Amino acid sequence: MAYQVGDACVNCGSCDPECPVGAISEKDSRRWIDEALCQSCGVCASVCPVEAIAEA
């Protein structure tokens, strides 16, 4: 199951370089995860300083 970015996102960008498949980008002043690319590894969630990323 893919991960999603919640409303708590502060758009810090710490998750972007950690995604091994490049599924994270900026959209509407926060980060967004492309569910078609997400491999559900959870690395993005583990580095998020505000815990804004969780499994969908």
C-alpha atoms as a PDB file:
ATOM      1  CA  MET A   1       0.000   0.000   0.000  1.00  0.00           C
ATOM      2  CA  ALA A   2       1.379   3.429  -0.947  1.00  0.00           C
ATOM      3  CA  TYR A   3       2.279   6.166   1.507  1.00  0.00           C
ATOM      4  CA  GLN A   4       0.542   9.558   1.605  1.00  0.00           C
ATOM      5  CA  VAL A   5       1.515  12.982   2.902  1.00  0.00           C
ATOM      6  CA  GLY A   6      -0.919  14.448   5.426  1.00  0.00           C
ATOM      7  CA  ASP A   7      -1.887  17.984   6.364  1.00  0.00           C
ATOM      8  CA  ALA A   8       0.900  18.216   8.940  1.00  0.00           C
ATOM      9  CA  CYS A   9       3.465  18.519   6.119  1.00  0.00           C
ATOM     10  CA  VAL A  10       5.631  21.641   6.478  1.00  0.00           C
ATOM     11  CA  ASN A  11       7.201  21.221   3.007  1.00  0.00           C
ATOM     12  CA  CYS A  12      10.716  20.824   4.407  1.00  0.00           C
ATOM     13  CA  GLY A  13      11.760  18.456   1.623  1.00  0.00           C
ATOM     14  CA  SER A  14      13.644  15.995   3.843  1.00  0.00           C
ATOM     15  CA  CYS A  15      11.756  13.088   2.279  1.00  0.00           C
ATOM     16  CA  ASP A  16      12.585  13.878  -1.376  1.00  0.00           C
ATOM     17  CA  PRO A  17      16.202  12.706  -1.517  1.00  0.00           C
ATOM     18  CA  GLU A  18      15.427   9.595   0.535  1.00  0.00           C
ATOM     19  CA  CYS A  19      12.857   8.132  -1.892  1.00  0.00           C
ATOM     20  CA  PRO A  20      14.647   5.422  -3.900  1.00  0.00           C
ATOM     21  CA  VAL A  21      12.189   5.655  -6.809  1.00  0.00           C
ATOM     22  CA  GLY A  22      11.676   9.432  -6.996  1.00  0.00           C
ATOM     23  CA  ALA A  23       7.971   9.255  -6.135  1.00  0.00           C
ATOM     24  CA  ILE A  24       7.952  12.471  -4.082  1.00  0.00           C
ATOM     25  CA  SER A  25       7.505  15.963  -5.495  1.00  0.00           C
ATOM     26  CA  GLU A  26       6.090  19.336  -4.459  1.00  0.00           C
ATOM     27  CA  LYS A  27       2.412  20.065  -5.077  1.00  0.00           C
ATOM     28  CA  ASP A  28       0.259  22.828  -3.588  1.00  0.00           C
ATOM     29  CA  SER A  29       2.978  24.012  -1.160  1.00  0.00           C
ATOM     30  CA  ARG A  30       3.611  20.591   0.350  1.00  0.00           C
ATOM     31  CA  ARG A  31       5.075  17.255  -0.672  1.00  0.00           C
ATOM     32  CA  TRP A  32       3.119  14.716  -2.663  1.00  0.00           C
ATOM     33  CA  ILE A  33       3.742  11.002  -3.241  1.00  0.00           C
ATOM     34  CA  ASP A  34       2.869   9.469  -6.604  1.00  0.00           C
ATOM     35  CA  GLU A  35       1.042   6.280  -5.616  1.00  0.00           C
ATOM     36  CA  ALA A  36       1.843   4.665  -8.975  1.00  0.00           C
ATOM     37  CA  LEU A  37       5.580   4.958  -8.242  1.00  0.00           C
ATOM     38  CA  CYS A  38       5.598   4.399  -4.466  1.00  0.00           C
ATOM     39  CA  GLN A  39       7.146   1.056  -3.481  1.00  0.00           C
ATOM     40  CA  SER A  40       5.843   1.267   0.127  1.00  0.00           C
ATOM     41  CA  CYS A  41       9.343   1.061   1.601  1.00  0.00           C
ATOM     42  CA  GLY A  42       8.555   3.613   4.335  1.00  0.00           C
ATOM     43  CA  VAL A  43      11.851   5.468   4.170  1.00  0.00           C
ATOM     44  CA  CYS A  44      10.055   8.782   3.617  1.00  0.00           C
ATOM     45  CA  ALA A  45       7.947   8.290   6.743  1.00  0.00           C
ATOM     46  CA  SER A  46      11.010   7.421   8.808  1.00  0.00           C
ATOM     47  CA  VAL A  47      12.769  10.711   7.968  1.00  0.00           C
ATOM     48  CA  CYS A  48       9.774  13.059   8.211  1.00  0.00           C
ATOM     49  CA  PRO A  49      10.438  15.404  11.170  1.00  0.00           C
ATOM     50  CA  VAL A  50       6.731  16.130  11.728  1.00  0.00           C
ATOM     51  CA  GLU A  51       5.432  12.592  11.101  1.00  0.00           C
ATOM     52  CA  ALA A  52       3.239  13.786   8.222  1.00  0.00           C
ATOM     53  CA  ILE A  53       3.726  10.662   6.081  1.00  0.00           C
ATOM     54  CA  ALA A  54       1.810   7.441   6.680  1.00  0.00           C
ATOM     55  CA  GLU A  55       0.530   4.397   4.821  1.00  0.00           C
ATOM     56  CA  ALA A  56      -2.649   5.072   2.912  1.00  0.00           C
END
